[in-house]
Amino acid sequence: MVPTDPAPPQPDHLGAVLYLKSHPNAVPRGVNDFGCVPDAAHPRPVILAHGTDANAYTDWSVIGPQLVDAGFCVFGLNYGGRPGAGTYGTEDMVLSSYQIAEFVDDVRAATGAAQVDLVGFSQGANVTRYYINKLGGAPKVGNWVGLASPTYGGIMYGLVPPAQQIPGALDLAAQAVSVAAVQQAQGSPFMLELNAGGDTVPGVRYTTVGSRADEVIQPFENIALRGPGADNIVLQDRCSVDLTGHFHMVYDPYVYQLLLEVLDPAHAPEPVCVPVAPGTGIPQVIIGGNI
């Protein structure tokens, strides 16, 4: 689903969730302008892919308009939702990757661009990379950027290894949370398929931006790509006092500045490092998921 109602930036995930209660078709201001024409300085449109149990507005209400203001044509879809559902990124990730593929072609057709840049947050990093690596999307993509990318999955606070030893446990987990959440567990069939034969393919510039304070992807090393040409940026290596974890990643100003360095190195200013406390954003995500 392609949201179309322009909406203002929010201070955090909770602010976006509350706004969506009365504006269910909200999209970050300036995003999904299908009349946008890429210029010579920014020839590739940027497509933003949200994370699990989220949508284009909850995850990109700030970064989307910032990229628009920086001169990019920016687009974002709501993928992976059940019919009639109010949230997205919950269903089979292979099917979601096909939705990404269709959207990429729609954006290229509308803008006339030969290639796009893909930026995925959390699950969005995996479905966009599956599109590139497994569905033949590489020729259509210049940059791929994964923010808090579950590149090799997570062990979910240590729960995954024992659950994988109990017949039927992961099926019950999928019913309790979502299919997509279980597919992102370390060692899941989806993760094994995604990375089989190498986690990168030629022709695309791959970058991950991850945090040692990530609350979801454990071990932390599972964020990094291992294939040729991948650039793995650790947030604390650039700004040691920024302890942003998984959930605050797309609302952290320094993360946006790192993203701009990747997408527009010729015009990106030097990032400004400021302290961020560990756990920032977690209460807002918990409240937002229960209202």
Protein backbone atom coordinates (compact mmCIF):
# COMPACT_ATOMS: atom_id res chain seq x y z
CA MET A 1 0.00 0.00 0.00
CA VAL A 2 1.32 3.43 -0.95
CA PRO A 3 0.33 6.10 1.62
CA THR A 4 -0.44 9.52 0.17
CA ASP A 5 -1.48 12.01 2.90
CA PRO A 6 1.45 14.34 3.77
CA ALA A 7 2.08 14.47 7.50
CA PRO A 8 4.48 16.39 9.76
CA PRO A 9 7.63 14.98 11.39
CA GLN A 10 7.17 13.51 14.86
CA PRO A 11 9.53 13.56 17.86
CA ASP A 12 9.50 9.78 18.23
CA HIS A 13 7.73 6.53 17.35
CA LEU A 14 4.88 7.17 19.79
CA GLY A 15 4.12 10.57 18.29
CA ALA A 16 3.80 8.94 14.87
CA VAL A 17 1.53 6.18 16.18
CA LEU A 18 -0.76 8.72 17.86
CA TYR A 19 -0.95 10.80 14.68
CA LEU A 20 -1.85 7.70 12.66
CA LYS A 21 -4.91 7.09 14.86
CA SER A 22 -6.68 9.90 13.06
CA HIS A 23 -4.61 9.92 9.84
CA PRO A 24 -4.23 6.24 8.79
CA ASN A 25 -2.95 7.11 5.31
CA ALA A 26 -0.18 9.38 6.60
CA VAL A 27 3.13 9.61 4.75
CA PRO A 28 6.13 11.76 5.74
CA ARG A 29 5.99 15.24 4.24
CA GLY A 30 7.36 15.31 0.69
CA VAL A 31 7.54 11.52 0.37
CA ASN A 32 5.71 9.74 -2.49
CA ASP A 33 5.62 12.72 -4.81
CA PHE A 34 5.40 10.79 -8.05
CA GLY A 35 5.88 14.02 -9.99
CA CYS A 36 9.36 14.48 -8.52
CA VAL A 37 12.12 14.62 -11.14
CA PRO A 38 15.62 13.59 -9.96
CA ASP A 39 18.32 16.17 -10.62
CA ALA A 40 21.93 15.68 -11.64
CA ALA A 41 23.17 15.97 -8.05
CA HIS A 42 20.69 13.33 -6.82
CA PRO A 43 19.95 11.13 -9.83
CA ARG A 44 18.67 8.10 -7.91
CA PRO A 45 15.36 8.26 -6.03
CA VAL A 46 15.55 6.97 -2.46
CA ILE A 47 13.11 4.26 -1.39
CA LEU A 48 12.60 3.80 2.35
CA ALA A 49 11.52 0.41 3.76
CA HIS A 50 10.14 0.32 7.30
CA GLY A 51 10.62 -2.34 9.96
CA THR A 52 8.46 -4.99 11.63
CA ASP A 53 4.99 -4.06 12.91
CA ALA A 54 5.40 -0.54 11.57
CA ASN A 55 4.82 1.54 8.44
CA ALA A 56 6.38 4.27 6.33
CA TYR A 57 5.23 7.01 8.69
CA THR A 58 6.18 5.50 12.06
CA ASP A 59 9.72 4.79 10.89
CA TRP A 60 10.43 7.63 8.47
CA SER A 61 8.47 10.66 9.69
CA VAL A 62 11.75 12.54 10.30
CA ILE A 63 14.29 11.06 7.89
CA GLY A 64 11.90 11.15 4.92
CA PRO A 65 11.42 14.95 4.97
CA GLN A 66 15.10 15.49 5.75
CA LEU A 67 16.07 13.62 2.59
CA VAL A 68 13.47 15.56 0.59
CA ASP A 69 14.92 18.82 1.90
CA ALA A 70 18.40 17.58 0.92
CA GLY A 71 17.25 17.37 -2.70
CA PHE A 72 16.23 13.73 -3.15
CA CYS A 73 13.07 12.28 -4.63
CA VAL A 74 11.93 10.05 -1.76
CA PHE A 75 9.40 7.22 -1.69
CA GLY A 76 8.09 4.72 0.82
CA LEU A 77 5.47 1.97 0.83
CA ASN A 78 3.64 0.05 3.53
CA TYR A 79 4.50 -3.58 2.82
CA GLY A 80 3.82 -6.95 4.40
CA GLY A 81 0.40 -6.31 5.96
CA ARG A 82 -2.60 -8.56 6.28
CA PRO A 83 -5.74 -7.37 4.44
CA GLY A 84 -7.46 -4.81 6.62
CA ALA A 85 -4.62 -4.68 9.12
CA GLY A 86 -3.56 -1.40 10.66
CA THR A 87 0.10 -2.31 10.80
CA TYR A 88 2.62 -3.70 8.35
CA GLY A 89 5.82 -5.71 8.12
CA THR A 90 4.26 -8.74 9.79
CA GLU A 91 3.82 -11.25 6.97
CA ASP A 92 6.07 -13.56 4.94
CA MET A 93 9.23 -11.68 4.02
CA VAL A 94 9.64 -13.31 0.63
CA LEU A 95 6.25 -11.98 -0.41
CA SER A 96 7.19 -8.59 1.05
CA SER A 97 10.34 -8.59 -1.10
CA TYR A 98 8.18 -9.02 -4.19
CA GLN A 99 6.18 -5.99 -3.08
CA ILE A 100 9.45 -4.07 -2.85
CA ALA A 101 10.33 -5.21 -6.38
CA GLU A 102 7.04 -3.94 -7.77
CA PHE A 103 7.41 -0.61 -5.98
CA VAL A 104 10.95 -0.12 -7.29
CA ASP A 105 9.66 -0.55 -10.84
CA ASP A 106 6.79 1.89 -10.18
CA VAL A 107 9.22 4.53 -8.87
CA ARG A 108 11.62 4.05 -11.76
CA ALA A 109 8.79 4.35 -14.27
CA ALA A 110 7.42 7.52 -12.65
CA THR A 111 10.77 9.29 -12.25
CA GLY A 112 12.59 8.00 -15.33
CA ALA A 113 15.51 6.93 -13.15
CA ALA A 114 17.52 3.90 -14.19
CA GLN A 115 18.40 3.07 -10.58
CA VAL A 116 17.21 3.77 -7.06
CA ASP A 117 18.89 3.76 -3.66
CA LEU A 118 17.29 1.50 -1.04
CA VAL A 119 17.34 2.32 2.67
CA GLY A 120 15.88 -0.28 5.00
CA PHE A 121 15.37 -0.11 8.75
CA SER A 122 15.43 -3.42 10.66
CA GLN A 123 13.26 -5.87 8.66
CA GLY A 124 13.26 -3.34 5.82
CA ALA A 125 16.98 -4.01 5.40
CA ASN A 126 16.36 -7.71 4.91
CA VAL A 127 13.45 -7.51 2.48
CA THR A 128 15.28 -4.96 0.32
CA ARG A 129 18.45 -7.04 0.34
CA TYR A 130 16.45 -10.15 -0.56
CA TYR A 131 15.06 -8.21 -3.52
CA ILE A 132 18.57 -7.26 -4.64
CA ASN A 133 20.30 -10.57 -3.99
CA LYS A 134 17.60 -13.13 -4.76
CA LEU A 135 15.05 -11.46 -7.05
CA GLY A 136 17.47 -9.94 -9.55
CA GLY A 137 17.18 -6.35 -8.36
CA ALA A 138 20.90 -5.52 -8.37
CA PRO A 139 21.00 -3.76 -11.79
CA LYS A 140 18.27 -1.38 -10.59
CA VAL A 141 20.01 -0.36 -7.34
CA GLY A 142 22.99 1.93 -6.71
CA ASN A 143 23.20 2.05 -2.91
CA TRP A 144 21.71 -0.28 -0.33
CA VAL A 145 21.79 0.94 3.27
CA GLY A 146 20.68 -1.14 6.22
CA LEU A 147 19.97 0.70 9.49
CA ALA A 148 19.95 -1.74 12.42
CA SER A 149 19.96 -4.52 9.84
CA PRO A 150 19.23 -8.05 11.15
CA THR A 151 21.74 -9.28 8.57
CA TYR A 152 22.26 -12.66 10.23
CA GLY A 153 19.24 -12.49 12.50
CA GLY A 154 19.08 -12.31 16.26
CA ILE A 155 18.72 -14.68 19.17
CA MET A 156 15.98 -12.53 20.72
CA TYR A 157 17.45 -12.19 24.22
CA GLY A 158 18.57 -15.82 24.18
CA LEU A 159 15.11 -17.25 23.48
CA VAL A 160 15.76 -18.46 19.93
CA PRO A 161 18.28 -21.29 20.49
CA PRO A 162 16.14 -23.23 23.01
CA ALA A 163 12.96 -22.55 21.01
CA GLN A 164 14.60 -24.04 17.92
CA GLN A 165 15.06 -27.29 19.85
CA ILE A 166 11.35 -27.59 20.77
CA PRO A 167 9.12 -28.95 17.98
CA GLY A 168 6.43 -26.45 17.07
CA ALA A 169 7.73 -23.68 19.33
CA LEU A 170 8.55 -21.29 16.51
CA ASP A 171 5.17 -21.87 14.88
CA LEU A 172 3.51 -20.85 18.14
CA ALA A 173 5.81 -17.82 18.30
CA ALA A 174 4.76 -16.78 14.80
CA GLN A 175 1.13 -16.85 15.92
CA ALA A 176 1.93 -14.87 19.06
CA VAL A 177 4.04 -12.18 17.38
CA SER A 178 4.26 -12.40 13.58
CA VAL A 179 5.59 -14.56 10.78
CA ALA A 180 8.14 -11.90 9.87
CA ALA A 181 9.47 -11.61 13.41
CA VAL A 182 10.19 -15.35 13.59
CA GLN A 183 11.75 -15.32 10.12
CA GLN A 184 14.39 -12.89 11.43
CA ALA A 185 15.68 -15.27 14.08
CA GLN A 186 19.29 -16.35 13.72
CA GLY A 187 19.41 -19.60 11.74
CA SER A 188 15.84 -19.39 10.42
CA PRO A 189 15.19 -20.80 6.92
CA PHE A 190 14.67 -17.27 5.59
CA MET A 191 17.95 -15.99 7.01
CA LEU A 192 19.85 -19.00 5.71
CA GLU A 193 18.36 -18.53 2.24
CA LEU A 194 19.04 -14.79 2.22
CA ASN A 195 22.74 -15.24 2.95
CA ALA A 196 23.36 -18.46 1.05
CA GLY A 197 26.14 -18.03 -1.48
CA GLY A 198 27.27 -14.74 0.06
CA ASP A 199 25.45 -11.79 1.57
CA THR A 200 26.34 -9.33 -1.22
CA VAL A 201 26.22 -9.43 -5.00
CA PRO A 202 28.31 -7.43 -7.48
CA GLY A 203 27.25 -4.01 -8.68
CA VAL A 204 25.64 -2.60 -5.53
CA ARG A 205 27.31 -0.51 -2.82
CA TYR A 206 26.27 -2.02 0.52
CA THR A 207 26.44 -0.16 3.85
CA THR A 208 25.19 -1.11 7.30
CA VAL A 209 24.83 1.30 10.21
CA GLY A 210 24.60 -0.55 13.51
CA SER A 211 24.85 0.08 17.24
CA ARG A 212 26.61 -1.92 19.92
CA ALA A 213 23.65 -0.97 22.11
CA ASP A 214 21.11 -2.67 19.81
CA GLU A 215 18.43 -4.21 22.01
CA VAL A 216 17.14 -6.65 19.39
CA ILE A 217 20.00 -7.91 17.22
CA GLN A 218 22.22 -10.06 19.40
CA PRO A 219 24.99 -10.84 19.05
CA PHE A 220 25.77 -7.35 17.79
CA GLU A 221 28.14 -8.78 15.15
CA ASN A 222 25.11 -10.20 13.31
CA ILE A 223 24.40 -6.72 11.95
CA ALA A 224 27.51 -6.62 9.77
CA LEU A 225 27.71 -7.87 6.20
CA ARG A 226 30.63 -10.16 5.40
CA GLY A 227 30.67 -10.05 1.60
CA PRO A 228 33.02 -8.16 -0.73
CA GLY A 229 32.63 -4.42 -0.85
CA ALA A 230 30.44 -4.04 2.23
CA ASP A 231 31.02 -1.06 4.54
CA ASN A 232 29.91 -1.68 8.12
CA ILE A 233 29.63 1.50 10.18
CA VAL A 234 29.41 1.12 13.96
CA LEU A 235 27.65 4.12 15.46
CA GLN A 236 29.83 4.21 18.58
CA ASP A 237 33.03 4.13 16.51
CA ARG A 238 32.00 7.49 15.10
CA CYS A 239 30.25 8.92 18.18
CA SER A 240 31.10 7.03 21.35
CA VAL A 241 28.54 8.85 23.52
CA ASP A 242 25.62 8.06 21.23
CA LEU A 243 24.15 4.88 22.74
CA THR A 244 21.12 4.78 20.50
CA GLY A 245 19.85 1.22 20.19
CA HIS A 246 17.55 -0.52 17.76
CA PHE A 247 14.27 1.29 18.28
CA HIS A 248 15.56 4.88 18.25
CA MET A 249 17.79 4.40 15.21
CA VAL A 250 15.47 6.16 12.74
CA TYR A 251 14.92 9.09 15.12
CA ASP A 252 18.58 9.70 15.92
CA PRO A 253 20.00 12.83 14.21
CA TYR A 254 23.50 11.38 14.02
CA VAL A 255 22.23 8.28 12.20
CA TYR A 256 20.60 10.54 9.61
CA GLN A 257 23.89 12.38 9.15
CA LEU A 258 25.68 9.08 8.58
CA LEU A 259 23.00 8.11 6.06
CA LEU A 260 23.51 11.39 4.21
CA GLU A 261 27.26 10.70 4.07
CA VAL A 262 26.50 7.46 2.23
CA LEU A 263 23.83 8.79 -0.13
CA ASP A 264 25.29 12.23 -0.85
CA PRO A 265 28.96 12.37 0.17
CA ALA A 266 29.64 15.45 -1.93
CA HIS A 267 27.17 17.59 0.03
CA ALA A 268 26.94 15.95 3.47
CA PRO A 269 28.10 18.10 6.40
CA GLU A 270 30.33 16.71 9.13
CA PRO A 271 28.09 14.82 11.59
CA VAL A 272 27.59 16.44 15.00
CA CYS A 273 28.08 14.02 17.89
CA VAL A 274 25.88 14.45 20.97
CA PRO A 275 25.14 12.06 23.87
CA VAL A 276 22.15 9.72 23.65
CA ALA A 277 21.21 7.60 26.66
CA PRO A 278 20.85 3.81 26.32
CA GLY A 279 17.26 2.67 26.03
CA THR A 280 16.11 5.90 24.38
CA GLY A 281 12.86 5.32 22.51
CA ILE A 282 11.97 1.97 24.08
CA PRO A 283 9.11 3.25 26.30
CA GLN A 284 7.57 5.06 23.32
CA VAL A 285 7.68 1.90 21.20
CA ILE A 286 6.11 -0.19 23.98
CA ILE A 287 3.33 2.32 24.58
CA GLY A 288 2.75 2.77 20.87
CA GLY A 289 2.35 -0.97 20.42
CA ASN A 290 -0.36 -1.14 23.07
CA ILE A 291 -2.69 1.71 22.21
